[in-house]
Amino acid sequence: AVYYCNADVQLDIPTMFDNFWGQGTQVT
C-alpha cells in the first residue's frame, strides 16, 4: 500500500490546532 503519515499539530498560535498528512511512501 501507500503509507501515509498523519499528525495532529498545535500550531505556534497556542489555540490553533490542525491535522496534516504526508505525501505517502510506497511499500510493496
PDB file of all heavy atoms in Angstrom:
ATOM      1  N   ALA A   1       0.843  -1.186   0.000  1.00  0.00           N
ATOM      2  CA  ALA A   1       0.000   0.000   0.000  1.00  0.00           C
ATOM      3  C   ALA A   1       0.879   1.237   0.000  1.00  0.00           C
ATOM      4  O   ALA A   1       2.097   1.153   0.186  1.00  0.00           O
ATOM      5  CB  ALA A   1      -0.912   0.020   1.229  1.00  0.00           C
ATOM      6  N   VAL A   2       0.252   2.369  -0.202  1.00  0.00           N
ATOM      7  CA  VAL A   2       0.912   3.635   0.062  1.00  0.00           C
ATOM      8  C   VAL A   2       0.668   3.968   1.527  1.00  0.00           C
ATOM      9  O   VAL A   2      -0.482   3.974   1.980  1.00  0.00           O
ATOM     10  CB  VAL A   2       0.386   4.769  -0.835  1.00  0.00           C
ATOM     11  CG1 VAL A   2       1.048   6.091  -0.470  1.00  0.00           C
ATOM     12  CG2 VAL A   2       0.638   4.439  -2.304  1.00  0.00           C
ATOM     13  N   TYR A   3       1.730   4.217   2.249  1.00  0.00           N
ATOM     14  CA  TYR A   3       1.639   4.515   3.669  1.00  0.00           C
ATOM     15  C   TYR A   3       1.776   6.015   3.879  1.00  0.00           C
ATOM     16  O   TYR A   3       2.718   6.640   3.393  1.00  0.00           O
ATOM     17  CB  TYR A   3       2.730   3.770   4.439  1.00  0.00           C
ATOM     18  CG  TYR A   3       2.433   2.302   4.612  1.00  0.00           C
ATOM     19  CD1 TYR A   3       2.457   1.436   3.527  1.00  0.00           C
ATOM     20  CD2 TYR A   3       2.100   1.781   5.864  1.00  0.00           C
ATOM     21  CE1 TYR A   3       2.156   0.093   3.676  1.00  0.00           C
ATOM     22  CE2 TYR A   3       1.809   0.443   6.024  1.00  0.00           C
ATOM     23  CZ  TYR A   3       1.839  -0.401   4.924  1.00  0.00           C
ATOM     24  OH  TYR A   3       1.549  -1.738   5.079  1.00  0.00           O
ATOM     25  N   TYR A   4       0.826   6.565   4.630  1.00  0.00           N
ATOM     26  CA  TYR A   4       0.771   7.994   4.873  1.00  0.00           C
ATOM     27  C   TYR A   4       0.980   8.312   6.347  1.00  0.00           C
ATOM     28  O   TYR A   4       0.382   7.678   7.212  1.00  0.00           O
ATOM     29  CB  TYR A   4      -0.585   8.566   4.449  1.00  0.00           C
ATOM     30  CG  TYR A   4      -0.878   8.465   2.976  1.00  0.00           C
ATOM     31  CD1 TYR A   4      -1.562   7.372   2.465  1.00  0.00           C
ATOM     32  CD2 TYR A   4      -0.487   9.474   2.105  1.00  0.00           C
ATOM     33  CE1 TYR A   4      -1.840   7.274   1.111  1.00  0.00           C
ATOM     34  CE2 TYR A   4      -0.766   9.380   0.747  1.00  0.00           C
ATOM     35  CZ  TYR A   4      -1.445   8.285   0.256  1.00  0.00           C
ATOM     36  OH  TYR A   4      -1.723   8.200  -1.084  1.00  0.00           O
ATOM     37  N   CYS A   5       1.785   9.300   6.598  1.00  0.00           N
ATOM     38  CA  CYS A   5       1.974   9.814   7.944  1.00  0.00           C
ATOM     39  C   CYS A   5       0.922  10.875   8.228  1.00  0.00           C
ATOM     40  O   CYS A   5       0.554  11.657   7.347  1.00  0.00           O
ATOM     41  CB  CYS A   5       3.377  10.409   8.071  1.00  0.00           C
ATOM     42  SG  CYS A   5       3.781  11.089   9.692  1.00  0.00           S
ATOM     43  N   ASN A   6       0.436  10.900   9.452  1.00  0.00           N
ATOM     44  CA  ASN A   6      -0.568  11.869   9.863  1.00  0.00           C
ATOM     45  C   ASN A   6      -0.213  12.422  11.235  1.00  0.00           C
ATOM     46  O   ASN A   6       0.320  11.705  12.078  1.00  0.00           O
ATOM     47  CB  ASN A   6      -1.950  11.207   9.904  1.00  0.00           C
ATOM     48  CG  ASN A   6      -3.037  12.157  10.345  1.00  0.00           C
ATOM     49  OD1 ASN A   6      -3.399  12.191  11.524  1.00  0.00           O
ATOM     50  ND2 ASN A   6      -3.568  12.922   9.407  1.00  0.00           N
ATOM     51  N   ALA A   7      -0.525  13.696  11.452  1.00  0.00           N
ATOM     52  CA  ALA A   7      -0.221  14.301  12.741  1.00  0.00           C
ATOM     53  C   ALA A   7      -1.269  15.328  13.130  1.00  0.00           C
ATOM     54  O   ALA A   7      -1.733  16.106  12.288  1.00  0.00           O
ATOM     55  CB  ALA A   7       1.154  14.958  12.720  1.00  0.00           C
ATOM     56  N   ASP A   8      -1.637  15.322  14.396  1.00  0.00           N
ATOM     57  CA  ASP A   8      -2.444  16.377  14.991  1.00  0.00           C
ATOM     58  C   ASP A   8      -1.479  17.370  15.610  1.00  0.00           C
ATOM     59  O   ASP A   8      -0.726  17.024  16.525  1.00  0.00           O
ATOM     60  CB  ASP A   8      -3.385  15.826  16.060  1.00  0.00           C
ATOM     61  CG  ASP A   8      -4.509  15.008  15.481  1.00  0.00           C
ATOM     62  OD1 ASP A   8      -4.957  15.316  14.361  1.00  0.00           O
ATOM     63  OD2 ASP A   8      -4.955  14.060  16.160  1.00  0.00           O
ATOM     64  N   VAL A   9      -1.519  18.599  15.120  1.00  0.00           N
ATOM     65  CA  VAL A   9      -0.497  19.587  15.450  1.00  0.00           C
ATOM     66  C   VAL A   9      -1.104  20.821  16.096  1.00  0.00           C
ATOM     67  O   VAL A   9      -2.104  21.360  15.619  1.00  0.00           O
ATOM     68  CB  VAL A   9       0.283  20.002  14.188  1.00  0.00           C
ATOM     69  CG1 VAL A   9       1.313  21.077  14.518  1.00  0.00           C
ATOM     70  CG2 VAL A   9       0.953  18.795  13.554  1.00  0.00           C
ATOM     71  N   GLN A  10      -0.483  21.263  17.186  1.00  0.00           N
ATOM     72  CA  GLN A  10      -0.771  22.578  17.729  1.00  0.00           C
ATOM     73  C   GLN A  10       0.196  23.539  17.072  1.00  0.00           C
ATOM     74  O   GLN A  10       1.415  23.366  17.175  1.00  0.00           O
ATOM     75  CB  GLN A  10      -0.616  22.609  19.251  1.00  0.00           C
ATOM     76  CG  GLN A  10      -0.961  23.958  19.854  1.00  0.00           C
ATOM     77  CD  GLN A  10      -0.698  24.031  21.346  1.00  0.00           C
ATOM     78  OE1 GLN A  10       0.115  23.302  21.881  1.00  0.00           O
ATOM     79  NE2 GLN A  10      -1.393  24.938  22.021  1.00  0.00           N
ATOM     80  N   LEU A  11      -0.328  24.532  16.409  1.00  0.00           N
ATOM     81  CA  LEU A  11       0.490  25.489  15.699  1.00  0.00           C
ATOM     82  C   LEU A  11       1.130  26.485  16.664  1.00  0.00           C
ATOM     83  O   LEU A  11       0.839  26.474  17.861  1.00  0.00           O
ATOM     84  CB  LEU A  11      -0.346  26.215  14.652  1.00  0.00           C
ATOM     85  CG  LEU A  11      -1.061  25.303  13.651  1.00  0.00           C
ATOM     86  CD1 LEU A  11      -1.915  26.126  12.697  1.00  0.00           C
ATOM     87  CD2 LEU A  11      -0.056  24.450  12.885  1.00  0.00           C
ATOM     88  N   ASP A  12       1.993  27.329  16.132  1.00  0.00           N
ATOM     89  CA  ASP A  12       2.691  28.274  17.003  1.00  0.00           C
ATOM     90  C   ASP A  12       1.769  29.347  17.574  1.00  0.00           C
ATOM     91  O   ASP A  12       2.184  30.111  18.439  1.00  0.00           O
ATOM     92  CB  ASP A  12       3.886  28.907  16.286  1.00  0.00           C
ATOM     93  CG  ASP A  12       3.510  29.556  14.969  1.00  0.00           C
ATOM     94  OD1 ASP A  12       2.311  29.666  14.666  1.00  0.00           O
ATOM     95  OD2 ASP A  12       4.433  29.955  14.234  1.00  0.00           O
ATOM     96  N   ILE A  13       0.555  29.423  17.086  1.00  0.00           N
ATOM     97  CA  ILE A  13      -0.500  30.178  17.762  1.00  0.00           C
ATOM     98  C   ILE A  13      -1.131  29.216  18.752  1.00  0.00           C
ATOM     99  O   ILE A  13      -1.742  28.229  18.347  1.00  0.00           O
ATOM    100  CB  ILE A  13      -1.547  30.708  16.773  1.00  0.00           C
ATOM    101  CG1 ILE A  13      -0.879  31.588  15.719  1.00  0.00           C
ATOM    102  CG2 ILE A  13      -2.634  31.483  17.506  1.00  0.00           C
ATOM    103  CD1 ILE A  13      -1.805  32.022  14.609  1.00  0.00           C
ATOM    104  N   PRO A  14      -1.013  29.486  20.049  1.00  0.00           N
ATOM    105  CA  PRO A  14      -1.332  28.475  21.074  1.00  0.00           C
ATOM    106  C   PRO A  14      -2.700  27.818  20.966  1.00  0.00           C
ATOM    107  O   PRO A  14      -2.841  26.636  21.296  1.00  0.00           O
ATOM    108  CB  PRO A  14      -1.198  29.272  22.380  1.00  0.00           C
ATOM    109  CG  PRO A  14      -0.180  30.317  22.075  1.00  0.00           C
ATOM    110  CD  PRO A  14      -0.448  30.712  20.654  1.00  0.00           C
ATOM    111  N   THR A  15      -3.709  28.542  20.524  1.00  0.00           N
ATOM    112  CA  THR A  15      -5.060  27.985  20.479  1.00  0.00           C
ATOM    113  C   THR A  15      -5.399  27.347  19.141  1.00  0.00           C
ATOM    114  O   THR A  15      -6.519  26.869  18.957  1.00  0.00           O
ATOM    115  CB  THR A  15      -6.097  29.068  20.796  1.00  0.00           C
ATOM    116  OG1 THR A  15      -5.977  30.149  19.865  1.00  0.00           O
ATOM    117  CG2 THR A  15      -5.903  29.599  22.208  1.00  0.00           C
ATOM    118  N   MET A  16      -4.457  27.318  18.222  1.00  0.00           N
ATOM    119  CA  MET A  16      -4.713  26.798  16.896  1.00  0.00           C
ATOM    120  C   MET A  16      -4.221  25.361  16.758  1.00  0.00           C
ATOM    121  O   MET A  16      -3.073  25.052  17.088  1.00  0.00           O
ATOM    122  CB  MET A  16      -4.040  27.665  15.836  1.00  0.00           C
ATOM    123  CG  MET A  16      -4.624  29.066  15.738  1.00  0.00           C
ATOM    124  SD  MET A  16      -6.282  29.073  15.017  1.00  0.00           S
ATOM    125  CE  MET A  16      -5.930  28.568  13.344  1.00  0.00           C
ATOM    126  N   PHE A  17      -5.098  24.510  16.260  1.00  0.00           N
ATOM    127  CA  PHE A  17      -4.769  23.114  16.011  1.00  0.00           C
ATOM    128  C   PHE A  17      -5.160  22.753  14.590  1.00  0.00           C
ATOM    129  O   PHE A  17      -6.096  23.308  14.019  1.00  0.00           O
ATOM    130  CB  PHE A  17      -5.501  22.190  16.987  1.00  0.00           C
ATOM    131  CG  PHE A  17      -5.073  22.335  18.405  1.00  0.00           C
ATOM    132  CD1 PHE A  17      -5.609  23.330  19.211  1.00  0.00           C
ATOM    133  CD2 PHE A  17      -4.132  21.475  18.950  1.00  0.00           C
ATOM    134  CE1 PHE A  17      -5.221  23.467  20.532  1.00  0.00           C
ATOM    135  CE2 PHE A  17      -3.734  21.601  20.273  1.00  0.00           C
ATOM    136  CZ  PHE A  17      -4.277  22.596  21.061  1.00  0.00           C
ATOM    137  N   ASP A  18      -4.450  21.804  14.025  1.00  0.00           N
ATOM    138  CA  ASP A  18      -4.781  21.331  12.698  1.00  0.00           C
ATOM    139  C   ASP A  18      -4.242  19.919  12.507  1.00  0.00           C
ATOM    140  O   ASP A  18      -3.458  19.426  13.321  1.00  0.00           O
ATOM    141  CB  ASP A  18      -4.225  22.265  11.626  1.00  0.00           C
ATOM    142  CG  ASP A  18      -5.078  22.286  10.366  1.00  0.00           C
ATOM    143  OD1 ASP A  18      -5.904  21.370  10.181  1.00  0.00           O
ATOM    144  OD2 ASP A  18      -4.926  23.223   9.560  1.00  0.00           O
ATOM    145  N   ASN A  19      -4.682  19.301  11.440  1.00  0.00           N
ATOM    146  CA  ASN A  19      -4.271  17.951  11.106  1.00  0.00           C
ATOM    147  C   ASN A  19      -3.577  17.957   9.756  1.00  0.00           C
ATOM    148  O   ASN A  19      -4.038  18.613   8.822  1.00  0.00           O
ATOM    149  CB  ASN A  19      -5.485  17.025  11.078  1.00  0.00           C
ATOM    150  CG  ASN A  19      -5.111  15.590  10.803  1.00  0.00           C
ATOM    151  OD1 ASN A  19      -5.118  15.143   9.663  1.00  0.00           O
ATOM    152  ND2 ASN A  19      -4.780  14.865  11.862  1.00  0.00           N
ATOM    153  N   PHE A  20      -2.472  17.220   9.652  1.00  0.00           N
ATOM    154  CA  PHE A  20      -1.667  17.239   8.439  1.00  0.00           C
ATOM    155  C   PHE A  20      -1.352  15.830   7.967  1.00  0.00           C
ATOM    156  O   PHE A  20      -1.272  14.890   8.762  1.00  0.00           O
ATOM    157  CB  PHE A  20      -0.359  18.001   8.684  1.00  0.00           C
ATOM    158  CG  PHE A  20      -0.559  19.451   9.006  1.00  0.00           C
ATOM    159  CD1 PHE A  20      -0.740  19.860  10.318  1.00  0.00           C
ATOM    160  CD2 PHE A  20      -0.578  20.408   8.004  1.00  0.00           C
ATOM    161  CE1 PHE A  20      -0.932  21.198  10.634  1.00  0.00           C
ATOM    162  CE2 PHE A  20      -0.772  21.751   8.308  1.00  0.00           C
ATOM    163  CZ  PHE A  20      -0.951  22.142   9.620  1.00  0.00           C
ATOM    164  N   TRP A  21      -1.142  15.728   6.668  1.00  0.00           N
ATOM    165  CA  TRP A  21      -0.794  14.471   6.026  1.00  0.00           C
ATOM    166  C   TRP A  21       0.511  14.597   5.269  1.00  0.00           C
ATOM    167  O   TRP A  21       0.818  15.637   4.689  1.00  0.00           O
ATOM    168  CB  TRP A  21      -1.879  14.057   5.033  1.00  0.00           C
ATOM    169  CG  TRP A  21      -3.171  13.672   5.660  1.00  0.00           C
ATOM    170  CD1 TRP A  21      -4.245  14.470   5.913  1.00  0.00           C
ATOM    171  CD2 TRP A  21      -3.533  12.359   6.109  1.00  0.00           C
ATOM    172  NE1 TRP A  21      -5.255  13.749   6.489  1.00  0.00           N
ATOM    173  CE2 TRP A  21      -4.849  12.452   6.620  1.00  0.00           C
ATOM    174  CE3 TRP A  21      -2.884  11.133   6.119  1.00  0.00           C
ATOM    175  CZ2 TRP A  21      -5.517  11.352   7.138  1.00  0.00           C
ATOM    176  CZ3 TRP A  21      -3.549  10.038   6.642  1.00  0.00           C
ATOM    177  CH2 TRP A  21      -4.847  10.152   7.140  1.00  0.00           C
ATOM    178  N   GLY A  22       1.265  13.518   5.262  1.00  0.00           N
ATOM    179  CA  GLY A  22       2.435  13.435   4.413  1.00  0.00           C
ATOM    180  C   GLY A  22       2.044  13.053   3.002  1.00  0.00           C
ATOM    181  O   GLY A  22       0.872  12.788   2.707  1.00  0.00           O
ATOM    182  N   GLN A  23       3.029  13.013   2.129  1.00  0.00           N
ATOM    183  CA  GLN A  23       2.760  12.724   0.718  1.00  0.00           C
ATOM    184  C   GLN A  23       2.613  11.236   0.436  1.00  0.00           C
ATOM    185  O   GLN A  23       2.134  10.850  -0.630  1.00  0.00           O
ATOM    186  CB  GLN A  23       3.882  13.307  -0.155  1.00  0.00           C
ATOM    187  CG  GLN A  23       5.143  12.460  -0.262  1.00  0.00           C
ATOM    188  CD  GLN A  23       5.984  12.438   1.003  1.00  0.00           C
ATOM    189  OE1 GLN A  23       5.768  13.214   1.927  1.00  0.00           O
ATOM    190  NE2 GLN A  23       6.966  11.541   1.036  1.00  0.00           N
ATOM    191  N   GLY A  24       3.024  10.419   1.361  1.00  0.00           N
ATOM    192  CA  GLY A  24       2.920   8.981   1.211  1.00  0.00           C
ATOM    193  C   GLY A  24       4.200   8.345   0.720  1.00  0.00           C
ATOM    194  O   GLY A  24       4.985   8.958  -0.005  1.00  0.00           O
ATOM    195  N   THR A  25       4.413   7.107   1.122  1.00  0.00           N
ATOM    196  CA  THR A  25       5.554   6.335   0.653  1.00  0.00           C
ATOM    197  C   THR A  25       5.072   4.934   0.304  1.00  0.00           C
ATOM    198  O   THR A  25       4.290   4.332   1.038  1.00  0.00           O
ATOM    199  CB  THR A  25       6.686   6.299   1.701  1.00  0.00           C
ATOM    200  OG1 THR A  25       7.828   5.635   1.161  1.00  0.00           O
ATOM    201  CG2 THR A  25       6.253   5.596   2.980  1.00  0.00           C
ATOM    202  N   GLN A  26       5.532   4.424  -0.817  1.00  0.00           N
ATOM    203  CA  GLN A  26       5.063   3.143  -1.320  1.00  0.00           C
ATOM    204  C   GLN A  26       5.781   1.990  -0.635  1.00  0.00           C
ATOM    205  O   GLN A  26       7.008   1.960  -0.555  1.00  0.00           O
ATOM    206  CB  GLN A  26       5.286   3.048  -2.835  1.00  0.00           C
ATOM    207  CG  GLN A  26       4.890   1.708  -3.449  1.00  0.00           C
ATOM    208  CD  GLN A  26       3.393   1.497  -3.472  1.00  0.00           C
ATOM    209  OE1 GLN A  26       2.648   2.382  -3.901  1.00  0.00           O
ATOM    210  NE2 GLN A  26       2.944   0.335  -3.006  1.00  0.00           N
ATOM    211  N   VAL A  27       4.997   1.045  -0.157  1.00  0.00           N
ATOM    212  CA  VAL A  27       5.522  -0.212   0.367  1.00  0.00           C
ATOM    213  C   VAL A  27       4.970  -1.336  -0.492  1.00  0.00           C
ATOM    214  O   VAL A  27       3.756  -1.475  -0.638  1.00  0.00           O
ATOM    215  CB  VAL A  27       5.134  -0.435   1.835  1.00  0.00           C
ATOM    216  CG1 VAL A  27       5.511  -1.848   2.288  1.00  0.00           C
ATOM    217  CG2 VAL A  27       5.794   0.605   2.723  1.00  0.00           C
ATOM    218  N   THR A  28       5.860  -2.114  -1.071  1.00  0.00           N
ATOM    219  CA  THR A  28       5.455  -3.230  -1.911  1.00  0.00           C
ATOM    220  C   THR A  28       6.073  -4.509  -1.374  1.00  0.00           C
ATOM    221  O   THR A  28       7.293  -4.596  -1.213  1.00  0.00           O
ATOM    222  CB  THR A  28       5.888  -3.023  -3.369  1.00  0.00           C
ATOM    223  OG1 THR A  28       5.327  -1.809  -3.875  1.00  0.00           O
ATOM    224  CG2 THR A  28       5.419  -4.184  -4.232  1.00  0.00           C
TER     225      THR A  28
END
